[in-house]
């Protein structure tokens, strides 16, 4: 999967000037890659376009200008993009109530391991997780996952955690977008 290159990233002021024109296209790409899996779980599959947007937003919000810091942001966010034959995604645990969220995150430490992509033929692919997102017996509300799917887009995304069971079939346009990402 193609990574974001330094020459594709604008300084924060140039991005601020272009943001309004670029945002609708990027948000449409994100929406196409967003899959609600269970009551409180959403997967956002990442590609170079979605990651470049995140880098630009970080540079803008933090007013980052030093070259080393810009490259650090690019390198950090490029970790969200899978390698060849992989789909990288962000798992969002969406619970509004802070007290409920804290309780659930303490109980759901194994949640990322219970996610899967259902492939043509029925095989389930489990993710590789970023263990930096789990510490002290508690899960972070944002998880970075990588699914080794080969060259084929999945049919569905699901979770078999006892408290967050669900499976969502990917729409044809979602499968096409992920297939395009895998081919890049």
N, C-alpha and C. Protein backbone atom coordinates (compact mmCIF):
# COMPACT_ATOMS: atom_id res chain seq x y z
N UNK A 1 0.85 -1.17 0.00
CA UNK A 1 0.00 0.00 0.00
C UNK A 1 0.90 1.23 0.00
N UNK A 2 0.54 2.20 -0.80
CA UNK A 2 1.34 3.41 -0.96
C UNK A 2 1.31 4.27 0.30
N UNK A 3 2.47 4.77 0.70
CA UNK A 3 2.61 5.64 1.86
C UNK A 3 2.62 7.11 1.42
N UNK A 4 2.42 7.99 2.38
CA UNK A 4 2.48 9.43 2.11
C UNK A 4 3.95 9.83 1.97
N UNK A 5 4.24 10.60 0.94
CA UNK A 5 5.60 11.08 0.70
C UNK A 5 5.71 12.55 1.13
N UNK A 6 6.89 12.94 1.51
CA UNK A 6 7.11 14.30 2.01
C UNK A 6 6.66 15.36 1.01
N UNK A 7 6.91 15.14 -0.27
CA UNK A 7 6.58 16.16 -1.27
C UNK A 7 5.07 16.35 -1.45
N UNK A 8 4.27 15.47 -0.88
CA UNK A 8 2.81 15.60 -0.94
C UNK A 8 2.23 16.43 0.21
N UNK A 9 3.08 16.81 1.14
CA UNK A 9 2.61 17.49 2.35
C UNK A 9 2.96 18.98 2.28
N UNK A 10 1.92 19.79 2.47
CA UNK A 10 2.08 21.24 2.45
C UNK A 10 2.43 21.76 3.84
N UNK A 11 2.96 22.98 3.88
CA UNK A 11 3.12 23.63 5.18
C UNK A 11 1.73 23.95 5.71
N UNK A 12 1.61 24.21 7.00
CA UNK A 12 0.30 24.36 7.62
C UNK A 12 -0.49 25.53 7.06
N UNK A 13 0.18 26.60 6.68
CA UNK A 13 -0.54 27.76 6.15
C UNK A 13 -1.12 27.46 4.76
N UNK A 14 -0.32 26.82 3.92
CA UNK A 14 -0.82 26.44 2.59
C UNK A 14 -1.99 25.48 2.73
N UNK A 15 -1.87 24.52 3.66
CA UNK A 15 -2.98 23.61 3.90
C UNK A 15 -4.22 24.38 4.37
N UNK A 16 -4.03 25.32 5.25
CA UNK A 16 -5.17 26.12 5.73
C UNK A 16 -5.86 26.83 4.58
N UNK A 17 -5.07 27.32 3.63
CA UNK A 17 -5.64 27.99 2.46
C UNK A 17 -6.40 27.02 1.55
N UNK A 18 -5.94 25.78 1.46
CA UNK A 18 -6.53 24.78 0.56
C UNK A 18 -7.58 23.90 1.23
N UNK A 19 -7.64 23.93 2.53
CA UNK A 19 -8.43 23.00 3.33
C UNK A 19 -9.90 22.94 2.89
N UNK A 20 -10.54 24.07 2.73
CA UNK A 20 -11.96 24.09 2.38
C UNK A 20 -12.22 23.40 1.03
N UNK A 21 -11.31 23.56 0.09
CA UNK A 21 -11.48 22.93 -1.22
C UNK A 21 -11.20 21.43 -1.18
N UNK A 22 -10.24 21.01 -0.34
CA UNK A 22 -9.83 19.60 -0.28
C UNK A 22 -10.72 18.75 0.62
N UNK A 23 -11.26 19.36 1.65
CA UNK A 23 -11.96 18.61 2.68
C UNK A 23 -13.13 17.75 2.18
N UNK A 24 -14.00 18.23 1.31
CA UNK A 24 -15.12 17.38 0.87
C UNK A 24 -14.67 16.07 0.20
N UNK A 25 -13.63 16.15 -0.61
CA UNK A 25 -13.12 14.95 -1.29
C UNK A 25 -12.55 13.96 -0.28
N UNK A 26 -11.78 14.46 0.67
CA UNK A 26 -11.16 13.58 1.66
C UNK A 26 -12.21 12.98 2.59
N UNK A 27 -13.17 13.78 3.01
CA UNK A 27 -14.22 13.25 3.89
C UNK A 27 -15.07 12.21 3.17
N UNK A 28 -15.26 12.37 1.87
CA UNK A 28 -15.97 11.35 1.10
C UNK A 28 -15.16 10.05 1.05
N UNK A 29 -13.85 10.16 0.90
CA UNK A 29 -12.99 8.97 0.89
C UNK A 29 -13.04 8.28 2.26
N UNK A 30 -13.03 9.08 3.33
CA UNK A 30 -13.12 8.50 4.67
C UNK A 30 -14.46 7.80 4.89
N UNK A 31 -15.52 8.43 4.46
CA UNK A 31 -16.85 7.85 4.65
C UNK A 31 -16.97 6.51 3.93
N UNK A 32 -16.37 6.42 2.77
CA UNK A 32 -16.39 5.18 2.00
C UNK A 32 -15.64 4.05 2.73
N UNK A 33 -14.68 4.42 3.56
CA UNK A 33 -13.84 3.45 4.27
C UNK A 33 -14.26 3.26 5.73
N UNK A 34 -15.38 3.85 6.13
CA UNK A 34 -15.89 3.75 7.51
C UNK A 34 -16.90 2.61 7.58
N UNK A 35 -16.68 1.69 8.56
CA UNK A 35 -17.56 0.54 8.73
C UNK A 35 -17.94 0.45 10.20
N UNK A 36 -19.22 0.63 10.47
CA UNK A 36 -19.74 0.48 11.83
C UNK A 36 -19.93 -1.02 12.06
N UNK A 37 -19.23 -1.57 13.06
CA UNK A 37 -19.19 -3.02 13.24
C UNK A 37 -20.13 -3.51 14.34
N UNK A 38 -20.18 -2.80 15.44
CA UNK A 38 -21.03 -3.19 16.58
C UNK A 38 -21.49 -1.91 17.27
N UNK A 39 -22.24 -2.06 18.33
CA UNK A 39 -22.87 -0.90 18.97
C UNK A 39 -21.91 0.27 19.20
N UNK A 40 -20.70 -0.02 19.67
CA UNK A 40 -19.76 1.05 20.01
C UNK A 40 -18.47 1.00 19.19
N UNK A 41 -18.46 0.27 18.08
CA UNK A 41 -17.22 0.05 17.34
C UNK A 41 -17.33 0.46 15.89
N UNK A 42 -16.39 1.29 15.46
CA UNK A 42 -16.30 1.68 14.06
C UNK A 42 -14.87 1.49 13.58
N UNK A 43 -14.72 0.92 12.40
CA UNK A 43 -13.42 0.80 11.75
C UNK A 43 -13.33 1.86 10.67
N UNK A 44 -12.19 2.52 10.60
CA UNK A 44 -11.91 3.46 9.52
C UNK A 44 -10.65 2.97 8.81
N UNK A 45 -10.83 2.42 7.61
CA UNK A 45 -9.69 1.92 6.84
C UNK A 45 -8.93 3.11 6.28
N UNK A 46 -7.62 3.05 6.42
CA UNK A 46 -6.76 4.17 6.05
C UNK A 46 -6.07 3.92 4.71
N UNK A 47 -5.80 5.00 4.01
CA UNK A 47 -4.97 4.95 2.82
C UNK A 47 -4.16 6.24 2.77
N UNK A 48 -3.39 6.43 1.71
CA UNK A 48 -2.52 7.61 1.65
C UNK A 48 -3.33 8.91 1.72
N UNK A 49 -4.49 8.94 1.12
CA UNK A 49 -5.31 10.15 1.13
C UNK A 49 -5.83 10.48 2.52
N UNK A 50 -6.33 9.49 3.25
CA UNK A 50 -6.85 9.76 4.59
C UNK A 50 -5.72 10.11 5.56
N UNK A 51 -4.58 9.48 5.41
CA UNK A 51 -3.43 9.75 6.27
C UNK A 51 -2.84 11.12 5.97
N UNK A 52 -2.73 11.46 4.70
CA UNK A 52 -2.22 12.79 4.34
C UNK A 52 -3.10 13.89 4.96
N UNK A 53 -4.40 13.68 4.94
CA UNK A 53 -5.32 14.62 5.56
C UNK A 53 -5.02 14.75 7.06
N UNK A 54 -4.81 13.62 7.74
CA UNK A 54 -4.50 13.65 9.17
C UNK A 54 -3.19 14.39 9.44
N UNK A 55 -2.19 14.14 8.61
CA UNK A 55 -0.91 14.85 8.76
C UNK A 55 -1.13 16.35 8.60
N UNK A 56 -1.85 16.73 7.56
CA UNK A 56 -2.11 18.16 7.34
C UNK A 56 -2.85 18.78 8.52
N UNK A 57 -3.82 18.06 9.04
CA UNK A 57 -4.58 18.60 10.18
C UNK A 57 -3.68 18.76 11.41
N UNK A 58 -2.79 17.81 11.65
CA UNK A 58 -1.88 17.93 12.79
C UNK A 58 -0.93 19.11 12.60
N UNK A 59 -0.41 19.26 11.40
CA UNK A 59 0.49 20.40 11.14
C UNK A 59 -0.25 21.71 11.35
N UNK A 60 -1.49 21.78 10.91
CA UNK A 60 -2.29 23.01 11.05
C UNK A 60 -2.62 23.30 12.51
N UNK A 61 -3.13 22.31 13.20
CA UNK A 61 -3.56 22.52 14.59
C UNK A 61 -2.37 22.83 15.49
N UNK A 62 -1.27 22.11 15.30
CA UNK A 62 -0.09 22.28 16.14
C UNK A 62 0.87 23.35 15.61
N UNK A 63 0.58 23.89 14.43
CA UNK A 63 1.45 24.90 13.80
C UNK A 63 2.89 24.38 13.65
N UNK A 64 3.00 23.16 13.19
CA UNK A 64 4.30 22.51 13.06
C UNK A 64 5.00 23.03 11.81
N UNK A 65 6.26 23.44 11.96
CA UNK A 65 7.02 23.97 10.82
C UNK A 65 8.41 23.35 10.68
N UNK A 66 8.99 22.88 11.76
CA UNK A 66 10.34 22.30 11.68
C UNK A 66 10.30 21.04 10.82
N UNK A 67 11.26 20.92 9.94
CA UNK A 67 11.29 19.79 9.01
C UNK A 67 11.31 18.45 9.74
N UNK A 68 12.11 18.34 10.78
CA UNK A 68 12.18 17.08 11.52
C UNK A 68 10.82 16.73 12.13
N UNK A 69 10.09 17.73 12.59
CA UNK A 69 8.77 17.49 13.18
C UNK A 69 7.75 17.12 12.11
N UNK A 70 7.85 17.73 10.93
CA UNK A 70 6.96 17.38 9.82
C UNK A 70 7.19 15.93 9.43
N UNK A 71 8.45 15.56 9.28
CA UNK A 71 8.78 14.18 8.91
C UNK A 71 8.33 13.19 9.99
N UNK A 72 8.43 13.60 11.25
CA UNK A 72 7.96 12.73 12.34
C UNK A 72 6.45 12.47 12.20
N UNK A 73 5.68 13.50 11.90
CA UNK A 73 4.23 13.33 11.72
C UNK A 73 3.93 12.40 10.55
N UNK A 74 4.65 12.58 9.45
CA UNK A 74 4.46 11.72 8.28
C UNK A 74 4.77 10.26 8.64
N UNK A 75 5.91 10.05 9.29
CA UNK A 75 6.30 8.69 9.67
C UNK A 75 5.29 8.06 10.63
N UNK A 76 4.85 8.84 11.61
CA UNK A 76 3.90 8.33 12.60
C UNK A 76 2.59 7.93 11.93
N UNK A 77 2.04 8.81 11.10
CA UNK A 77 0.76 8.50 10.48
C UNK A 77 0.88 7.45 9.38
N UNK A 78 2.04 7.35 8.73
CA UNK A 78 2.23 6.29 7.74
C UNK A 78 2.14 4.90 8.37
N UNK A 79 2.37 4.80 9.68
CA UNK A 79 2.23 3.52 10.37
C UNK A 79 0.80 3.00 10.28
N UNK A 80 -0.17 3.90 10.05
CA UNK A 80 -1.57 3.49 9.97
C UNK A 80 -1.91 2.79 8.66
N UNK A 81 -1.05 2.95 7.67
CA UNK A 81 -1.29 2.36 6.36
C UNK A 81 -0.64 0.97 6.34
N UNK A 82 -1.37 -0.01 5.92
CA UNK A 82 -0.83 -1.35 5.86
C UNK A 82 0.26 -1.47 4.81
N UNK A 83 1.01 -2.54 4.89
CA UNK A 83 2.02 -2.84 3.89
C UNK A 83 1.38 -3.58 2.72
N UNK A 84 2.20 -4.20 1.90
CA UNK A 84 1.67 -4.93 0.75
C UNK A 84 0.76 -6.05 1.22
N UNK A 85 -0.45 -6.10 0.65
CA UNK A 85 -1.43 -7.12 1.01
C UNK A 85 -2.09 -6.91 2.36
N UNK A 86 -1.95 -5.71 2.90
CA UNK A 86 -2.52 -5.41 4.21
C UNK A 86 -3.45 -4.21 4.15
N UNK A 87 -4.46 -4.25 4.99
CA UNK A 87 -5.33 -3.09 5.18
C UNK A 87 -5.11 -2.58 6.59
N UNK A 88 -4.71 -1.32 6.69
CA UNK A 88 -4.54 -0.69 7.99
C UNK A 88 -5.83 0.05 8.32
N UNK A 89 -6.18 0.04 9.59
CA UNK A 89 -7.39 0.76 9.98
C UNK A 89 -7.26 1.29 11.40
N UNK A 90 -8.11 2.26 11.66
CA UNK A 90 -8.26 2.81 12.99
C UNK A 90 -9.57 2.28 13.56
N UNK A 91 -9.50 1.70 14.75
CA UNK A 91 -10.69 1.28 15.47
C UNK A 91 -11.06 2.40 16.42
N UNK A 92 -12.30 2.85 16.35
CA UNK A 92 -12.80 3.87 17.24
C UNK A 92 -13.81 3.22 18.19
N UNK A 93 -13.54 3.31 19.49
CA UNK A 93 -14.47 2.85 20.50
C UNK A 93 -15.28 4.07 20.90
N UNK A 94 -16.56 4.06 20.54
CA UNK A 94 -17.40 5.25 20.66
C UNK A 94 -18.43 5.10 21.78
N UNK A 95 -18.05 5.60 22.95
CA UNK A 95 -18.93 5.61 24.11
C UNK A 95 -18.87 7.03 24.68
N UNK A 96 -19.98 7.71 24.66
CA UNK A 96 -20.01 9.12 25.07
C UNK A 96 -19.81 9.34 26.56
N UNK A 97 -20.45 8.53 27.39
CA UNK A 97 -20.39 8.71 28.84
C UNK A 97 -18.99 8.34 29.35
N UNK A 98 -18.25 9.30 29.94
CA UNK A 98 -16.87 9.03 30.38
C UNK A 98 -16.76 7.91 31.41
N UNK A 99 -17.70 7.82 32.34
CA UNK A 99 -17.63 6.78 33.36
C UNK A 99 -17.87 5.40 32.75
N UNK A 100 -18.88 5.29 31.89
CA UNK A 100 -19.15 4.02 31.22
C UNK A 100 -17.97 3.65 30.33
N UNK A 101 -17.44 4.63 29.60
CA UNK A 101 -16.30 4.38 28.72
C UNK A 101 -15.11 3.83 29.51
N UNK A 102 -14.79 4.44 30.64
CA UNK A 102 -13.65 3.99 31.46
C UNK A 102 -13.86 2.55 31.93
N UNK A 103 -15.06 2.23 32.36
CA UNK A 103 -15.36 0.86 32.81
C UNK A 103 -15.19 -0.13 31.67
N UNK A 104 -15.77 0.20 30.52
CA UNK A 104 -15.72 -0.73 29.38
C UNK A 104 -14.29 -0.91 28.87
N UNK A 105 -13.53 0.16 28.81
CA UNK A 105 -12.15 0.05 28.31
C UNK A 105 -11.29 -0.82 29.22
N UNK A 106 -11.60 -0.83 30.50
CA UNK A 106 -10.89 -1.70 31.43
C UNK A 106 -11.29 -3.16 31.23
N UNK A 107 -12.54 -3.38 30.85
CA UNK A 107 -13.04 -4.75 30.65
C UNK A 107 -12.71 -5.30 29.25
N UNK A 108 -12.55 -4.43 28.28
CA UNK A 108 -12.41 -4.86 26.89
C UNK A 108 -10.97 -4.87 26.39
N UNK A 109 -10.02 -5.17 27.23
CA UNK A 109 -8.61 -5.14 26.83
C UNK A 109 -8.36 -6.06 25.63
N UNK A 110 -9.10 -7.16 25.54
CA UNK A 110 -8.90 -8.11 24.44
C UNK A 110 -9.73 -7.78 23.20
N UNK A 111 -10.45 -6.68 23.21
CA UNK A 111 -11.34 -6.34 22.10
C UNK A 111 -10.67 -6.35 20.73
N UNK A 112 -9.51 -5.72 20.56
CA UNK A 112 -8.91 -5.72 19.20
C UNK A 112 -8.65 -7.13 18.66
N UNK A 113 -8.34 -8.06 19.54
CA UNK A 113 -8.08 -9.44 19.12
C UNK A 113 -9.35 -10.16 18.67
N UNK A 114 -10.49 -9.60 18.99
CA UNK A 114 -11.77 -10.23 18.69
C UNK A 114 -12.41 -9.66 17.41
N UNK A 115 -11.73 -8.72 16.78
CA UNK A 115 -12.20 -8.19 15.51
C UNK A 115 -11.73 -9.10 14.37
N UNK A 116 -12.43 -9.02 13.26
CA UNK A 116 -12.03 -9.82 12.10
C UNK A 116 -12.58 -9.20 10.82
N UNK A 117 -11.97 -9.61 9.72
CA UNK A 117 -12.49 -9.36 8.38
C UNK A 117 -12.85 -10.72 7.80
N UNK A 118 -14.05 -10.82 7.26
CA UNK A 118 -14.49 -12.07 6.61
C UNK A 118 -14.16 -11.95 5.13
N UNK A 119 -13.41 -12.92 4.65
CA UNK A 119 -12.92 -12.90 3.28
C UNK A 119 -13.79 -13.76 2.37
N UNK A 120 -13.71 -13.54 1.05
CA UNK A 120 -14.38 -14.46 0.13
C UNK A 120 -13.90 -15.88 0.44
N UNK A 121 -14.81 -16.80 0.49
CA UNK A 121 -14.47 -18.17 0.88
C UNK A 121 -14.73 -18.43 2.35
N UNK A 122 -14.97 -17.37 3.13
CA UNK A 122 -15.36 -17.53 4.52
C UNK A 122 -14.28 -17.41 5.57
N UNK A 123 -13.01 -17.37 5.17
CA UNK A 123 -11.94 -17.27 6.16
C UNK A 123 -12.05 -15.95 6.94
N UNK A 124 -11.71 -16.01 8.22
CA UNK A 124 -11.68 -14.81 9.06
C UNK A 124 -10.23 -14.40 9.26
N UNK A 125 -9.94 -13.13 9.01
CA UNK A 125 -8.60 -12.60 9.21
C UNK A 125 -8.63 -11.71 10.45
N UNK A 126 -7.80 -12.04 11.42
CA UNK A 126 -7.70 -11.27 12.66
C UNK A 126 -6.60 -10.22 12.50
N UNK A 127 -6.69 -9.11 13.23
CA UNK A 127 -5.72 -8.04 13.05
C UNK A 127 -4.43 -8.25 13.84
N UNK A 128 -3.40 -7.60 13.36
CA UNK A 128 -2.20 -7.37 14.15
C UNK A 128 -2.46 -6.06 14.87
N UNK A 129 -2.19 -6.01 16.16
CA UNK A 129 -2.52 -4.83 16.95
C UNK A 129 -1.26 -4.06 17.31
N UNK A 130 -1.46 -2.80 17.64
CA UNK A 130 -0.37 -1.95 18.12
C UNK A 130 -0.44 -1.99 19.64
N UNK A 131 0.45 -2.73 20.25
CA UNK A 131 0.40 -2.94 21.70
C UNK A 131 0.66 -1.66 22.49
N UNK A 132 1.14 -0.62 21.84
CA UNK A 132 1.31 0.66 22.54
C UNK A 132 -0.05 1.24 22.93
N UNK A 133 -1.13 0.74 22.33
CA UNK A 133 -2.46 1.25 22.61
C UNK A 133 -3.15 0.53 23.77
N UNK A 134 -2.47 -0.47 24.32
CA UNK A 134 -3.00 -1.21 25.48
C UNK A 134 -1.95 -1.14 26.57
N UNK A 135 -2.33 -0.57 27.69
CA UNK A 135 -1.38 -0.51 28.79
C UNK A 135 -2.13 -0.51 30.12
N UNK A 136 -1.46 -0.98 31.12
CA UNK A 136 -2.00 -0.99 32.49
C UNK A 136 -3.40 -1.61 32.55
N UNK A 137 -3.62 -2.65 31.77
CA UNK A 137 -4.91 -3.32 31.82
C UNK A 137 -6.07 -2.50 31.30
N UNK A 138 -5.77 -1.57 30.42
CA UNK A 138 -6.82 -0.69 29.89
C UNK A 138 -6.58 -0.48 28.39
N UNK A 139 -7.67 -0.44 27.67
CA UNK A 139 -7.65 -0.22 26.23
C UNK A 139 -7.80 1.27 25.95
N UNK A 140 -7.14 1.75 24.92
CA UNK A 140 -7.33 3.13 24.46
C UNK A 140 -8.57 3.19 23.58
N UNK A 141 -9.24 4.35 23.52
CA UNK A 141 -10.45 4.49 22.68
C UNK A 141 -10.12 4.45 21.20
N UNK A 142 -8.87 4.64 20.85
CA UNK A 142 -8.44 4.58 19.45
C UNK A 142 -7.38 3.50 19.34
N UNK A 143 -7.61 2.56 18.45
CA UNK A 143 -6.68 1.45 18.22
C UNK A 143 -6.24 1.44 16.77
N UNK A 144 -4.99 1.09 16.53
CA UNK A 144 -4.48 0.98 15.17
C UNK A 144 -4.25 -0.50 14.88
N UNK A 145 -4.89 -0.97 13.82
CA UNK A 145 -4.90 -2.39 13.48
C UNK A 145 -4.45 -2.59 12.04
N UNK A 146 -3.89 -3.76 11.79
CA UNK A 146 -3.49 -4.13 10.43
C UNK A 146 -4.00 -5.54 10.15
N UNK A 147 -4.69 -5.68 9.03
CA UNK A 147 -5.23 -6.98 8.61
C UNK A 147 -4.47 -7.45 7.37
N UNK A 148 -3.85 -8.61 7.43
CA UNK A 148 -3.15 -9.19 6.28
C UNK A 148 -4.17 -9.95 5.44
N UNK A 149 -4.65 -9.32 4.38
CA UNK A 149 -5.73 -9.91 3.57
C UNK A 149 -5.26 -10.40 2.21
N UNK A 150 -4.01 -10.18 1.86
CA UNK A 150 -3.54 -10.54 0.53
C UNK A 150 -3.98 -9.52 -0.49
N UNK A 151 -4.44 -9.97 -1.64
CA UNK A 151 -4.82 -9.04 -2.72
C UNK A 151 -6.32 -8.83 -2.83
N UNK A 152 -7.09 -9.46 -1.97
CA UNK A 152 -8.54 -9.44 -2.11
C UNK A 152 -9.20 -8.62 -1.01
N UNK A 153 -10.18 -7.83 -1.39
CA UNK A 153 -10.93 -7.04 -0.42
C UNK A 153 -11.88 -7.95 0.38
N UNK A 154 -12.06 -7.66 1.65
CA UNK A 154 -12.97 -8.47 2.46
C UNK A 154 -14.42 -8.27 2.07
N UNK A 155 -15.24 -9.22 2.51
CA UNK A 155 -16.69 -9.13 2.29
C UNK A 155 -17.38 -8.43 3.46
N UNK A 156 -16.82 -8.58 4.67
CA UNK A 156 -17.47 -8.05 5.86
C UNK A 156 -16.43 -7.79 6.94
N UNK A 157 -16.82 -6.97 7.91
CA UNK A 157 -16.01 -6.70 9.10
C UNK A 157 -16.87 -7.05 10.30
N UNK A 158 -16.24 -7.67 11.31
CA UNK A 158 -17.04 -8.07 12.45
C UNK A 158 -16.25 -8.14 13.74
N UNK A 159 -16.99 -8.43 14.80
CA UNK A 159 -16.42 -8.58 16.14
C UNK A 159 -17.17 -9.70 16.84
N UNK A 160 -16.42 -10.59 17.49
CA UNK A 160 -17.05 -11.67 18.23
C UNK A 160 -16.78 -11.56 19.73
N UNK A 161 -16.52 -10.35 20.19
CA UNK A 161 -16.38 -10.11 21.63
C UNK A 161 -17.77 -10.31 22.26
N UNK A 162 -17.86 -10.96 23.42
CA UNK A 162 -19.17 -11.23 24.02
C UNK A 162 -20.03 -9.98 24.23
N UNK A 163 -19.41 -8.84 24.48
CA UNK A 163 -20.20 -7.62 24.72
C UNK A 163 -20.34 -6.73 23.49
N UNK A 164 -19.69 -7.07 22.41
CA UNK A 164 -19.74 -6.25 21.20
C UNK A 164 -19.81 -7.11 19.96
N UNK A 165 -20.79 -7.96 19.89
CA UNK A 165 -20.94 -8.83 18.72
C UNK A 165 -21.60 -8.07 17.59
N UNK A 166 -21.09 -8.30 16.41
CA UNK A 166 -21.70 -7.72 15.23
C UNK A 166 -20.88 -8.00 14.00
N UNK A 167 -21.52 -7.94 12.86
CA UNK A 167 -20.83 -8.09 11.58
C UNK A 167 -21.56 -7.23 10.57
N UNK A 168 -20.79 -6.52 9.78
CA UNK A 168 -21.35 -5.64 8.76
C UNK A 168 -20.79 -6.02 7.41
N UNK A 169 -21.67 -6.31 6.47
CA UNK A 169 -21.22 -6.57 5.10
C UNK A 169 -20.76 -5.26 4.48
N UNK A 170 -19.66 -5.33 3.75
CA UNK A 170 -19.18 -4.15 3.05
C UNK A 170 -19.99 -3.96 1.79
N UNK A 171 -20.36 -2.72 1.52
CA UNK A 171 -21.08 -2.40 0.29
C UNK A 171 -20.12 -2.57 -0.89
N UNK A 172 -20.66 -2.80 -2.08
CA UNK A 172 -19.78 -2.97 -3.25
C UNK A 172 -18.80 -1.82 -3.44
N UNK A 173 -19.25 -0.58 -3.20
CA UNK A 173 -18.34 0.56 -3.38
C UNK A 173 -17.26 0.59 -2.30
N UNK A 174 -17.55 0.05 -1.12
CA UNK A 174 -16.52 -0.04 -0.08
C UNK A 174 -15.48 -1.09 -0.46
N UNK A 175 -15.96 -2.23 -0.94
CA UNK A 175 -15.03 -3.28 -1.38
C UNK A 175 -14.16 -2.79 -2.54
N UNK A 176 -14.75 -2.04 -3.45
CA UNK A 176 -13.98 -1.50 -4.58
C UNK A 176 -12.91 -0.53 -4.09
N UNK A 177 -13.24 0.31 -3.12
CA UNK A 177 -12.26 1.27 -2.58
C UNK A 177 -11.11 0.52 -1.89
N UNK A 178 -11.44 -0.49 -1.12
CA UNK A 178 -10.38 -1.26 -0.44
C UNK A 178 -9.54 -2.05 -1.44
N UNK A 179 -10.18 -2.58 -2.47
CA UNK A 179 -9.42 -3.28 -3.52
C UNK A 179 -8.47 -2.32 -4.22
N UNK A 180 -8.92 -1.12 -4.46
CA UNK A 180 -8.05 -0.10 -5.08
C UNK A 180 -6.87 0.23 -4.15
N UNK A 181 -7.14 0.35 -2.85
CA UNK A 181 -6.07 0.60 -1.90
C UNK A 181 -5.05 -0.53 -1.91
N UNK A 182 -5.53 -1.77 -1.94
CA UNK A 182 -4.62 -2.91 -1.94
C UNK A 182 -3.77 -2.96 -3.21
N UNK A 183 -4.31 -2.46 -4.30
CA UNK A 183 -3.58 -2.46 -5.58
C UNK A 183 -2.56 -1.33 -5.69
N UNK A 184 -2.67 -0.34 -4.82
CA UNK A 184 -1.77 0.84 -4.95
C UNK A 184 -0.39 0.56 -4.42
